[in-house]
Amino acid sequence: MAKKGVSYFTKKEYFVEYRIQYLVVTEGETEENYFAMVNKLKADTIEIICKKAKHPSVRYLISTMEDAIKRRNTNKHTRCWLVLDQDTLTPQDIHDLQAWSNSLAATPHKYIGVSAPEFEYWLLLHFEIPATQLSATVCTKHLKRHIPRYKKPFQNCYVLADKIETACENAVQKEISLGDRKNGTNLHHLVKKVI
């Protein structure tokens, strides 16, 4: 009892904390290993589904994502990302990806993560911003200057862990959109959200 016989009760309010969940479908093991590393280091909110075939069709990746959305408890807090190399995309692939990401279903949110010419460009941005346009082969050669034993599928993504913020900063200067053929990426939008 408080003063003058009046009882004061403290009301505790409980809030259910939600976490945004990320569902990532990749086309290669290097991408899968990279996002698994980010997940373990920073977020623990990513579920990665990797299709092991080298450059599976875009329709197959979209179908894989749609199956994953149906099987999991997705909601308005789910962010679905298809992560692809830009160098293998045809105009029809680009059309299909745009149609998928713009589909009427607002839940869950759908995004396309691209790197051009390939995912190794994103890895290279952990160390440098290339001054010239790079082919896929040259991009990998540049990456090997920083990681001499680099080969696909890259297993030891932890060597990049302390350089993730550098990669995000560098990617801002090399940002591209779906369909752009110049070197660049938009993966920093995904990575910044989960670190």
N, C-alpha and C. Protein backbone atom coordinates (compact mmCIF):
# COMPACT_ATOMS: atom_id res chain seq x y z
N MET A 1 0.84 -1.18 0.00
CA MET A 1 0.00 0.00 0.00
C MET A 1 0.87 1.24 0.00
N ALA A 2 0.43 2.17 -0.75
CA ALA A 2 1.16 3.44 -0.82
C ALA A 2 0.53 4.41 0.15
N LYS A 3 0.93 5.66 0.06
CA LYS A 3 0.41 6.70 0.98
C LYS A 3 -1.11 6.76 0.92
N LYS A 4 -1.71 7.05 2.05
CA LYS A 4 -3.15 7.29 2.20
C LYS A 4 -3.98 6.10 1.70
N GLY A 5 -3.45 4.90 1.83
CA GLY A 5 -4.23 3.72 1.50
C GLY A 5 -4.43 3.46 0.02
N VAL A 6 -3.77 4.21 -0.84
CA VAL A 6 -3.92 4.00 -2.28
C VAL A 6 -2.82 3.05 -2.74
N SER A 7 -3.22 2.05 -3.46
CA SER A 7 -2.25 1.07 -3.94
C SER A 7 -1.83 1.42 -5.37
N TYR A 8 -0.56 1.40 -5.59
CA TYR A 8 -0.04 1.68 -6.93
C TYR A 8 0.54 0.39 -7.51
N PHE A 9 0.10 0.06 -8.67
CA PHE A 9 0.63 -1.11 -9.35
C PHE A 9 1.40 -0.63 -10.57
N THR A 10 2.52 -1.24 -10.76
CA THR A 10 3.27 -0.88 -11.97
C THR A 10 2.84 -1.84 -13.06
N LYS A 11 2.53 -1.28 -14.16
CA LYS A 11 2.09 -2.07 -15.30
C LYS A 11 3.30 -2.35 -16.18
N LYS A 12 3.57 -3.60 -16.41
CA LYS A 12 4.66 -3.95 -17.31
C LYS A 12 4.08 -4.18 -18.69
N GLU A 13 4.70 -3.58 -19.66
CA GLU A 13 4.27 -3.79 -21.03
C GLU A 13 5.28 -4.70 -21.70
N TYR A 14 4.77 -5.64 -22.39
CA TYR A 14 5.62 -6.59 -23.09
C TYR A 14 5.45 -6.39 -24.59
N PHE A 15 6.54 -6.29 -25.24
CA PHE A 15 6.52 -6.14 -26.68
C PHE A 15 7.13 -7.38 -27.29
N VAL A 16 6.48 -7.89 -28.28
CA VAL A 16 7.05 -9.01 -29.00
C VAL A 16 8.00 -8.43 -30.03
N GLU A 17 9.26 -8.75 -29.86
CA GLU A 17 10.25 -8.23 -30.79
C GLU A 17 10.25 -9.09 -32.04
N TYR A 18 10.14 -8.47 -33.18
CA TYR A 18 10.20 -9.24 -34.42
C TYR A 18 11.56 -9.00 -35.06
N ARG A 19 11.98 -9.98 -35.78
CA ARG A 19 13.21 -9.85 -36.53
C ARG A 19 12.89 -10.07 -37.99
N ILE A 20 13.46 -9.23 -38.80
CA ILE A 20 13.30 -9.43 -40.23
C ILE A 20 14.09 -10.66 -40.62
N GLN A 21 13.45 -11.55 -41.31
CA GLN A 21 14.09 -12.76 -41.80
C GLN A 21 14.44 -12.59 -43.27
N TYR A 22 15.61 -13.07 -43.63
CA TYR A 22 16.07 -13.00 -45.01
C TYR A 22 16.15 -14.40 -45.58
N LEU A 23 15.50 -14.59 -46.70
CA LEU A 23 15.54 -15.85 -47.43
C LEU A 23 16.34 -15.57 -48.70
N VAL A 24 17.50 -16.20 -48.83
CA VAL A 24 18.41 -15.91 -49.94
C VAL A 24 18.58 -17.17 -50.78
N VAL A 25 18.28 -17.07 -52.05
CA VAL A 25 18.52 -18.15 -53.00
C VAL A 25 19.68 -17.72 -53.88
N THR A 26 20.74 -18.53 -53.90
CA THR A 26 21.92 -18.21 -54.69
C THR A 26 22.10 -19.23 -55.80
N GLU A 27 22.94 -18.85 -56.77
CA GLU A 27 23.18 -19.77 -57.86
C GLU A 27 24.50 -20.52 -57.74
N GLY A 28 25.23 -20.31 -56.66
CA GLY A 28 26.52 -20.99 -56.53
C GLY A 28 26.93 -21.20 -55.10
N GLU A 29 27.90 -22.09 -54.91
CA GLU A 29 28.37 -22.41 -53.57
C GLU A 29 29.17 -21.29 -52.94
N THR A 30 29.92 -20.53 -53.74
CA THR A 30 30.69 -19.42 -53.17
C THR A 30 29.74 -18.42 -52.52
N GLU A 31 28.65 -18.10 -53.21
CA GLU A 31 27.66 -17.19 -52.65
C GLU A 31 27.06 -17.77 -51.37
N GLU A 32 26.74 -19.05 -51.40
CA GLU A 32 26.17 -19.71 -50.22
C GLU A 32 27.14 -19.61 -49.05
N ASN A 33 28.41 -19.90 -49.29
CA ASN A 33 29.42 -19.84 -48.23
C ASN A 33 29.58 -18.42 -47.69
N TYR A 34 29.55 -17.44 -48.57
CA TYR A 34 29.70 -16.05 -48.15
C TYR A 34 28.55 -15.63 -47.23
N PHE A 35 27.33 -15.88 -47.64
CA PHE A 35 26.18 -15.45 -46.84
C PHE A 35 26.05 -16.27 -45.55
N ALA A 36 26.51 -17.52 -45.57
CA ALA A 36 26.55 -18.31 -44.33
C ALA A 36 27.53 -17.67 -43.35
N MET A 37 28.67 -17.18 -43.86
CA MET A 37 29.65 -16.50 -43.01
C MET A 37 29.05 -15.23 -42.42
N VAL A 38 28.40 -14.42 -43.24
CA VAL A 38 27.78 -13.19 -42.75
C VAL A 38 26.73 -13.52 -41.70
N ASN A 39 25.96 -14.54 -41.96
CA ASN A 39 24.91 -14.94 -41.03
C ASN A 39 25.48 -15.33 -39.67
N LYS A 40 26.54 -16.11 -39.67
CA LYS A 40 27.15 -16.56 -38.40
C LYS A 40 27.80 -15.41 -37.65
N LEU A 41 28.40 -14.48 -38.39
CA LEU A 41 29.10 -13.38 -37.75
C LEU A 41 28.17 -12.31 -37.20
N LYS A 42 27.13 -12.02 -37.92
CA LYS A 42 26.40 -10.80 -37.63
C LYS A 42 24.93 -10.98 -37.29
N ALA A 43 24.23 -11.80 -38.03
CA ALA A 43 22.78 -11.68 -38.01
C ALA A 43 22.02 -12.87 -37.46
N ASP A 44 22.34 -14.04 -37.92
CA ASP A 44 21.59 -15.24 -37.59
C ASP A 44 20.12 -15.10 -38.01
N THR A 45 19.89 -14.36 -39.08
CA THR A 45 18.52 -14.19 -39.56
C THR A 45 18.39 -14.55 -41.04
N ILE A 46 19.42 -15.18 -41.59
CA ILE A 46 19.39 -15.50 -43.01
C ILE A 46 19.22 -16.99 -43.18
N GLU A 47 18.35 -17.36 -44.07
CA GLU A 47 18.27 -18.75 -44.50
C GLU A 47 18.72 -18.77 -45.95
N ILE A 48 19.75 -19.54 -46.24
CA ILE A 48 20.32 -19.56 -47.58
C ILE A 48 19.95 -20.87 -48.26
N ILE A 49 19.50 -20.75 -49.47
CA ILE A 49 19.22 -21.93 -50.28
C ILE A 49 20.09 -21.79 -51.52
N CYS A 50 20.99 -22.74 -51.70
CA CYS A 50 21.91 -22.66 -52.82
C CYS A 50 21.56 -23.76 -53.82
N LYS A 51 21.52 -23.40 -55.06
CA LYS A 51 21.32 -24.38 -56.11
C LYS A 51 22.71 -24.71 -56.66
N LYS A 52 23.13 -25.93 -56.51
CA LYS A 52 24.50 -26.31 -56.79
C LYS A 52 24.89 -26.25 -58.27
N ALA A 53 23.95 -26.39 -59.16
CA ALA A 53 24.30 -26.34 -60.58
C ALA A 53 24.90 -24.99 -60.94
N LYS A 54 25.90 -24.99 -61.79
CA LYS A 54 26.51 -23.72 -62.18
C LYS A 54 25.53 -22.97 -63.07
N HIS A 55 25.20 -21.77 -62.67
CA HIS A 55 24.27 -20.90 -63.39
C HIS A 55 22.98 -21.62 -63.77
N PRO A 56 22.21 -22.07 -62.76
CA PRO A 56 20.91 -22.65 -63.09
C PRO A 56 20.03 -21.59 -63.73
N SER A 57 19.01 -22.02 -64.43
CA SER A 57 18.16 -21.07 -65.13
C SER A 57 17.46 -20.14 -64.13
N VAL A 58 17.17 -18.94 -64.62
CA VAL A 58 16.47 -17.97 -63.78
C VAL A 58 15.11 -18.49 -63.37
N ARG A 59 14.42 -19.13 -64.29
CA ARG A 59 13.10 -19.68 -63.95
C ARG A 59 13.20 -20.73 -62.83
N TYR A 60 14.27 -21.52 -62.86
CA TYR A 60 14.49 -22.52 -61.82
C TYR A 60 14.76 -21.85 -60.47
N LEU A 61 15.56 -20.78 -60.47
CA LEU A 61 15.83 -20.06 -59.22
C LEU A 61 14.57 -19.41 -58.66
N ILE A 62 13.78 -18.81 -59.55
CA ILE A 62 12.51 -18.21 -59.11
C ILE A 62 11.59 -19.29 -58.53
N SER A 63 11.51 -20.42 -59.20
CA SER A 63 10.68 -21.53 -58.73
C SER A 63 11.18 -22.03 -57.37
N THR A 64 12.50 -22.10 -57.21
CA THR A 64 13.08 -22.52 -55.93
C THR A 64 12.68 -21.55 -54.83
N MET A 65 12.73 -20.26 -55.12
CA MET A 65 12.35 -19.25 -54.13
C MET A 65 10.87 -19.37 -53.79
N GLU A 66 10.04 -19.51 -54.81
CA GLU A 66 8.59 -19.61 -54.56
C GLU A 66 8.26 -20.85 -53.73
N ASP A 67 8.95 -21.96 -54.00
CA ASP A 67 8.75 -23.16 -53.18
C ASP A 67 9.17 -22.90 -51.74
N ALA A 68 10.29 -22.21 -51.56
CA ALA A 68 10.78 -21.89 -50.20
C ALA A 68 9.80 -20.99 -49.47
N ILE A 69 9.22 -20.03 -50.17
CA ILE A 69 8.24 -19.12 -49.56
C ILE A 69 7.02 -19.90 -49.07
N LYS A 70 6.58 -20.87 -49.87
CA LYS A 70 5.42 -21.67 -49.49
C LYS A 70 5.70 -22.58 -48.30
N ARG A 71 6.92 -23.14 -48.24
CA ARG A 71 7.26 -24.10 -47.18
C ARG A 71 7.62 -23.44 -45.86
N ARG A 72 7.98 -22.17 -45.87
CA ARG A 72 8.42 -21.51 -44.65
C ARG A 72 7.36 -20.56 -44.14
N ASN A 73 7.53 -20.13 -42.94
CA ASN A 73 6.59 -19.22 -42.31
C ASN A 73 6.96 -17.79 -42.70
N THR A 74 6.70 -17.42 -43.94
CA THR A 74 7.02 -16.08 -44.39
C THR A 74 5.88 -15.14 -44.06
N ASN A 75 6.23 -13.87 -43.86
CA ASN A 75 5.24 -12.86 -43.53
C ASN A 75 5.75 -11.50 -44.00
N LYS A 76 5.13 -10.44 -43.51
CA LYS A 76 5.51 -9.10 -43.95
C LYS A 76 6.91 -8.71 -43.51
N HIS A 77 7.51 -9.49 -42.62
CA HIS A 77 8.86 -9.20 -42.16
C HIS A 77 9.91 -10.03 -42.91
N THR A 78 9.49 -10.80 -43.89
CA THR A 78 10.41 -11.63 -44.66
C THR A 78 10.89 -10.85 -45.88
N ARG A 79 12.19 -10.93 -46.12
CA ARG A 79 12.80 -10.31 -47.30
C ARG A 79 13.43 -11.42 -48.12
N CYS A 80 12.97 -11.58 -49.35
CA CYS A 80 13.45 -12.64 -50.23
C CYS A 80 14.40 -12.06 -51.27
N TRP A 81 15.59 -12.62 -51.36
CA TRP A 81 16.62 -12.13 -52.29
C TRP A 81 17.08 -13.27 -53.19
N LEU A 82 17.01 -13.04 -54.49
CA LEU A 82 17.66 -13.91 -55.47
C LEU A 82 19.01 -13.28 -55.77
N VAL A 83 20.10 -14.02 -55.61
CA VAL A 83 21.44 -13.49 -55.84
C VAL A 83 22.03 -14.17 -57.07
N LEU A 84 22.32 -13.32 -58.09
CA LEU A 84 22.75 -13.84 -59.40
C LEU A 84 23.94 -13.08 -59.97
N ASP A 85 24.63 -13.75 -60.88
CA ASP A 85 25.66 -13.09 -61.68
C ASP A 85 24.97 -12.41 -62.86
N GLN A 86 25.39 -11.20 -63.16
CA GLN A 86 24.75 -10.44 -64.23
C GLN A 86 25.21 -10.90 -65.62
N ASP A 87 26.43 -11.45 -65.73
CA ASP A 87 27.01 -11.74 -67.05
C ASP A 87 26.27 -12.83 -67.82
N THR A 88 25.50 -13.65 -67.15
CA THR A 88 24.81 -14.74 -67.85
C THR A 88 23.34 -14.45 -68.10
N LEU A 89 22.85 -13.29 -67.70
CA LEU A 89 21.43 -12.99 -67.84
C LEU A 89 21.08 -12.56 -69.26
N THR A 90 20.03 -13.16 -69.80
CA THR A 90 19.51 -12.78 -71.11
C THR A 90 18.42 -11.72 -70.92
N PRO A 91 18.01 -11.04 -72.00
CA PRO A 91 16.89 -10.10 -71.86
C PRO A 91 15.63 -10.77 -71.30
N GLN A 92 15.37 -12.03 -71.68
CA GLN A 92 14.21 -12.74 -71.14
C GLN A 92 14.37 -12.98 -69.64
N ASP A 93 15.61 -13.32 -69.21
CA ASP A 93 15.87 -13.51 -67.78
C ASP A 93 15.57 -12.23 -67.00
N ILE A 94 16.03 -11.12 -67.54
CA ILE A 94 15.82 -9.83 -66.88
C ILE A 94 14.33 -9.53 -66.77
N HIS A 95 13.60 -9.79 -67.84
CA HIS A 95 12.15 -9.60 -67.83
C HIS A 95 11.49 -10.47 -66.77
N ASP A 96 11.89 -11.75 -66.71
CA ASP A 96 11.30 -12.68 -65.74
C ASP A 96 11.61 -12.24 -64.30
N LEU A 97 12.83 -11.78 -64.06
CA LEU A 97 13.21 -11.33 -62.72
C LEU A 97 12.44 -10.08 -62.31
N GLN A 98 12.29 -9.14 -63.25
CA GLN A 98 11.52 -7.93 -62.94
C GLN A 98 10.07 -8.27 -62.66
N ALA A 99 9.51 -9.18 -63.45
CA ALA A 99 8.12 -9.59 -63.23
C ALA A 99 7.97 -10.25 -61.86
N TRP A 100 8.92 -11.09 -61.48
CA TRP A 100 8.86 -11.75 -60.18
C TRP A 100 8.94 -10.74 -59.04
N SER A 101 9.91 -9.83 -59.11
CA SER A 101 10.09 -8.88 -58.00
C SER A 101 8.96 -7.87 -57.91
N ASN A 102 8.26 -7.62 -59.03
CA ASN A 102 7.16 -6.66 -59.04
C ASN A 102 5.79 -7.32 -58.96
N SER A 103 5.76 -8.63 -58.68
CA SER A 103 4.49 -9.33 -58.65
C SER A 103 3.58 -8.73 -57.58
N LEU A 104 2.31 -8.95 -57.73
CA LEU A 104 1.31 -8.31 -56.88
C LEU A 104 1.40 -8.71 -55.41
N ALA A 105 1.92 -9.89 -55.14
CA ALA A 105 2.00 -10.32 -53.75
C ALA A 105 2.97 -9.42 -52.99
N ALA A 106 2.44 -8.62 -52.10
CA ALA A 106 3.28 -7.68 -51.34
C ALA A 106 4.04 -8.38 -50.23
N THR A 107 3.60 -9.55 -49.86
CA THR A 107 4.25 -10.30 -48.79
C THR A 107 4.66 -11.64 -49.35
N PRO A 108 5.88 -12.03 -49.20
CA PRO A 108 7.00 -11.27 -48.65
C PRO A 108 7.61 -10.33 -49.69
N HIS A 109 8.49 -9.46 -49.24
CA HIS A 109 9.17 -8.52 -50.13
C HIS A 109 10.19 -9.28 -50.98
N LYS A 110 10.32 -8.88 -52.25
CA LYS A 110 11.18 -9.61 -53.18
C LYS A 110 12.22 -8.68 -53.80
N TYR A 111 13.47 -9.14 -53.80
CA TYR A 111 14.58 -8.33 -54.31
C TYR A 111 15.49 -9.19 -55.18
N ILE A 112 16.21 -8.51 -56.06
CA ILE A 112 17.20 -9.16 -56.92
C ILE A 112 18.56 -8.58 -56.58
N GLY A 113 19.50 -9.43 -56.20
CA GLY A 113 20.88 -9.01 -55.93
C GLY A 113 21.76 -9.45 -57.08
N VAL A 114 22.45 -8.50 -57.70
CA VAL A 114 23.28 -8.82 -58.86
C VAL A 114 24.70 -8.31 -58.68
N SER A 115 25.61 -9.00 -59.33
CA SER A 115 26.99 -8.55 -59.45
C SER A 115 27.40 -8.75 -60.90
N ALA A 116 28.14 -7.80 -61.44
CA ALA A 116 28.61 -7.92 -62.83
C ALA A 116 30.11 -7.68 -62.85
N PRO A 117 30.88 -8.54 -63.44
CA PRO A 117 30.37 -9.65 -64.24
C PRO A 117 29.91 -10.86 -63.44
N GLU A 118 30.42 -11.03 -62.22
CA GLU A 118 30.11 -12.20 -61.42
C GLU A 118 30.25 -11.87 -59.94
N PHE A 119 29.91 -12.82 -59.08
CA PHE A 119 29.96 -12.63 -57.63
C PHE A 119 31.36 -12.26 -57.15
N GLU A 120 32.38 -12.72 -57.85
CA GLU A 120 33.76 -12.40 -57.47
C GLU A 120 34.02 -10.90 -57.49
N TYR A 121 33.25 -10.15 -58.27
CA TYR A 121 33.41 -8.69 -58.25
C TYR A 121 33.04 -8.15 -56.87
N TRP A 122 31.97 -8.68 -56.28
CA TRP A 122 31.58 -8.28 -54.92
C TRP A 122 32.71 -8.62 -53.95
N LEU A 123 33.29 -9.80 -54.09
CA LEU A 123 34.40 -10.19 -53.20
C LEU A 123 35.59 -9.27 -53.39
N LEU A 124 35.88 -8.89 -54.62
CA LEU A 124 36.99 -7.99 -54.91
C LEU A 124 36.80 -6.63 -54.24
N LEU A 125 35.56 -6.18 -54.15
CA LEU A 125 35.29 -4.89 -53.51
C LEU A 125 35.63 -4.88 -52.01
N HIS A 126 35.88 -6.02 -51.43
CA HIS A 126 36.35 -6.08 -50.05
C HIS A 126 37.77 -5.53 -49.93
N PHE A 127 38.47 -5.46 -51.07
CA PHE A 127 39.88 -5.05 -51.07
C PHE A 127 40.15 -3.78 -51.87
N GLU A 128 39.42 -3.59 -52.96
CA GLU A 128 39.72 -2.48 -53.86
C GLU A 128 38.51 -2.14 -54.72
N ILE A 129 38.59 -0.97 -55.35
CA ILE A 129 37.62 -0.59 -56.37
C ILE A 129 38.37 -0.62 -57.69
N PRO A 130 38.09 -1.59 -58.56
CA PRO A 130 38.80 -1.65 -59.83
C PRO A 130 38.59 -0.39 -60.65
N ALA A 131 39.66 0.08 -61.26
CA ALA A 131 39.60 1.32 -62.04
C ALA A 131 39.13 1.07 -63.47
N THR A 132 39.22 -0.17 -63.94
CA THR A 132 38.85 -0.48 -65.32
C THR A 132 37.75 -1.54 -65.33
N GLN A 133 37.14 -1.69 -66.49
CA GLN A 133 36.12 -2.71 -66.69
C GLN A 133 36.80 -4.08 -66.69
N LEU A 134 36.26 -5.05 -65.95
CA LEU A 134 36.87 -6.37 -65.84
C LEU A 134 35.94 -7.44 -66.39
N SER A 135 36.55 -8.37 -67.12
CA SER A 135 35.81 -9.57 -67.52
C SER A 135 35.78 -10.51 -66.32
N ALA A 136 35.02 -11.59 -66.42
CA ALA A 136 34.95 -12.55 -65.32
C ALA A 136 36.33 -13.15 -65.02
N THR A 137 37.08 -13.49 -66.06
CA THR A 137 38.40 -14.08 -65.88
C THR A 137 39.36 -13.10 -65.22
N VAL A 138 39.37 -11.86 -65.67
CA VAL A 138 40.26 -10.85 -65.11
C VAL A 138 39.84 -10.50 -63.67
N CYS A 139 38.57 -10.50 -63.43
CA CYS A 139 38.05 -10.22 -62.08
C CYS A 139 38.61 -11.26 -61.10
N THR A 140 38.57 -12.52 -61.48
CA THR A 140 39.10 -13.58 -60.62
C THR A 140 40.60 -13.43 -60.44
N LYS A 141 41.31 -13.04 -61.49
CA LYS A 141 42.76 -12.82 -61.37
C LYS A 141 43.07 -11.70 -60.39
N HIS A 142 42.30 -10.61 -60.45
CA HIS A 142 42.49 -9.51 -59.49
C HIS A 142 42.21 -9.97 -58.06
N LEU A 143 41.20 -10.80 -57.89
CA LEU A 143 40.86 -11.31 -56.56
C LEU A 143 41.99 -12.18 -56.02
N LYS A 144 42.64 -12.94 -56.90
CA LYS A 144 43.74 -13.81 -56.47
C LYS A 144 44.96 -13.02 -56.01
N ARG A 145 45.07 -11.77 -56.38
CA ARG A 145 46.15 -10.94 -55.83
C ARG A 145 45.95 -10.72 -54.34
N HIS A 146 44.72 -10.71 -53.90
CA HIS A 146 44.41 -10.50 -52.49
C HIS A 146 44.23 -11.82 -51.73
N ILE A 147 43.71 -12.82 -52.42
CA ILE A 147 43.51 -14.15 -51.82
C ILE A 147 44.19 -15.14 -52.77
N PRO A 148 45.50 -15.35 -52.62
CA PRO A 148 46.27 -16.15 -53.58
C PRO A 148 45.71 -17.55 -53.83
N ARG A 149 45.11 -18.17 -52.85
CA ARG A 149 44.59 -19.54 -53.02
C ARG A 149 43.11 -19.58 -53.39
N TYR A 150 42.60 -18.47 -53.87
CA TYR A 150 41.17 -18.42 -54.21
C TYR A 150 40.87 -19.38 -55.36
N LYS A 151 39.83 -20.17 -55.17
CA LYS A 151 39.27 -20.98 -56.25
C LYS A 151 37.83 -21.30 -55.90
N LYS A 152 37.04 -21.53 -56.93
CA LYS A 152 35.62 -21.83 -56.74
C LYS A 152 35.46 -23.31 -56.42
N PRO A 153 34.53 -23.68 -55.57
CA PRO A 153 33.77 -22.81 -54.69
C PRO A 153 34.63 -22.38 -53.51
N PHE A 154 34.59 -21.10 -53.20
CA PHE A 154 35.43 -20.54 -52.16
C PHE A 154 34.87 -20.92 -50.80
N GLN A 155 35.67 -21.61 -50.02
CA GLN A 155 35.22 -22.11 -48.71
C GLN A 155 35.52 -21.15 -47.57
N ASN A 156 36.69 -20.52 -47.60
CA ASN A 156 37.17 -19.73 -46.46
C ASN A 156 36.74 -18.27 -46.54
N CYS A 157 35.46 -18.03 -46.54
CA CYS A 157 34.96 -16.66 -46.63
C CYS A 157 35.27 -15.85 -45.38
N TYR A 158 35.68 -16.49 -44.30
CA TYR A 158 35.99 -15.76 -43.07
C TYR A 158 37.17 -14.81 -43.23
N VAL A 159 38.00 -15.01 -44.26
CA VAL A 159 39.10 -14.07 -44.49
C VAL A 159 38.57 -12.70 -44.90
N LEU A 160 37.30 -12.63 -45.26
CA LEU A 160 36.67 -11.38 -45.69
C LEU A 160 35.89 -10.70 -44.56
N ALA A 161 35.76 -11.35 -43.44
CA ALA A 161 34.87 -10.89 -42.37
C ALA A 161 35.15 -9.47 -41.91
N ASP A 162 36.41 -9.11 -41.75
CA ASP A 162 36.72 -7.77 -41.25
C ASP A 162 36.72 -6.71 -42.35
N LYS A 163 36.37 -7.12 -43.57
CA LYS A 163 36.37 -6.19 -44.69
C LYS A 163 34.97 -5.95 -45.27
N ILE A 164 33.96 -6.45 -44.59
CA ILE A 164 32.59 -6.34 -45.10
C ILE A 164 32.15 -4.88 -45.23
N GLU A 165 32.44 -4.07 -44.23
CA GLU A 165 32.04 -2.66 -44.30
C GLU A 165 32.76 -1.93 -45.43
N THR A 166 34.02 -2.28 -45.67
CA THR A 166 34.76 -1.70 -46.80
C THR A 166 34.08 -2.06 -48.11
N ALA A 167 33.67 -3.32 -48.25
CA ALA A 167 32.98 -3.75 -49.46
C ALA A 167 31.70 -2.96 -49.67
N CYS A 168 30.94 -2.75 -48.61
CA CYS A 168 29.69 -1.99 -48.73
C CYS A 168 29.97 -0.55 -49.15
N GLU A 169 30.99 0.08 -48.57
CA GLU A 169 31.36 1.44 -48.94
C GLU A 169 31.81 1.51 -50.40
N ASN A 170 32.63 0.55 -50.82
CA ASN A 170 33.11 0.52 -52.20
C ASN A 170 31.96 0.26 -53.19
N ALA A 171 31.03 -0.58 -52.79
CA ALA A 171 29.91 -0.92 -53.68
C ALA A 171 29.02 0.28 -53.96
N VAL A 172 28.93 1.20 -53.04
CA VAL A 172 28.12 2.41 -53.27
C VAL A 172 28.63 3.14 -54.51
N GLN A 173 29.95 3.14 -54.70
CA GLN A 173 30.55 3.81 -55.85
C GLN A 173 30.40 2.99 -57.14
N LYS A 174 30.08 1.72 -57.00
CA LYS A 174 29.96 0.84 -58.16
C LYS A 174 28.57 0.20 -58.23
N GLU A 175 27.56 0.94 -57.79
CA GLU A 175 26.21 0.39 -57.75
C GLU A 175 25.63 0.25 -59.15
N ILE A 176 25.01 -0.88 -59.38
CA ILE A 176 24.33 -1.13 -60.65
C ILE A 176 22.92 -1.65 -60.36
N SER A 177 22.13 -1.69 -61.41
CA SER A 177 20.77 -2.22 -61.33
C SER A 177 20.68 -3.47 -62.20
N LEU A 178 19.61 -4.19 -62.02
CA LEU A 178 19.36 -5.37 -62.84
C LEU A 178 19.39 -4.98 -64.31
N GLY A 179 20.20 -5.67 -65.09
CA GLY A 179 20.30 -5.41 -66.52
C GLY A 179 21.50 -4.58 -66.93
N ASP A 180 22.13 -3.87 -65.98
CA ASP A 180 23.34 -3.10 -66.31
C ASP A 180 24.46 -4.06 -66.69
N ARG A 181 25.24 -3.69 -67.69
CA ARG A 181 26.35 -4.54 -68.13
C ARG A 181 27.71 -4.05 -67.63
N LYS A 182 27.75 -2.87 -67.05
CA LYS A 182 29.02 -2.40 -66.51
C LYS A 182 29.32 -3.13 -65.20
N ASN A 183 30.59 -3.14 -64.81
CA ASN A 183 30.98 -3.77 -63.54
C ASN A 183 30.29 -3.08 -62.38
N GLY A 184 29.86 -3.87 -61.42
CA GLY A 184 29.24 -3.32 -60.23
C GLY A 184 28.39 -4.34 -59.51
N THR A 185 27.66 -3.87 -58.52
CA THR A 185 26.82 -4.74 -57.71
C THR A 185 25.78 -3.91 -56.97
N ASN A 186 24.78 -4.59 -56.46
CA ASN A 186 23.84 -3.96 -55.52
C ASN A 186 23.73 -4.79 -54.24
N LEU A 187 24.66 -5.72 -54.06
CA LEU A 187 24.60 -6.60 -52.89
C LEU A 187 24.80 -5.88 -51.57
N HIS A 188 25.37 -4.68 -51.62
CA HIS A 188 25.54 -3.93 -50.37
C HIS A 188 24.20 -3.62 -49.71
N HIS A 189 23.14 -3.52 -50.50
CA HIS A 189 21.82 -3.26 -49.92
C HIS A 189 21.37 -4.42 -49.03
N LEU A 190 21.67 -5.63 -49.45
CA LEU A 190 21.35 -6.81 -48.64
C LEU A 190 22.31 -6.91 -47.45
N VAL A 191 23.60 -6.84 -47.71
CA VAL A 191 24.59 -7.06 -46.66
C VAL A 191 24.49 -6.01 -45.56
N LYS A 192 24.26 -4.74 -45.94
CA LYS A 192 24.14 -3.69 -44.92
C LYS A 192 22.96 -3.94 -43.99
N LYS A 193 21.91 -4.54 -44.51
CA LYS A 193 20.73 -4.80 -43.68
C LYS A 193 21.01 -5.87 -42.62
N VAL A 194 21.86 -6.83 -42.96
CA VAL A 194 22.05 -7.96 -42.05
C VAL A 194 23.28 -7.84 -41.16
N ILE A 195 24.13 -6.85 -41.41
CA ILE A 195 25.26 -6.68 -40.49
C ILE A 195 24.90 -5.62 -39.53
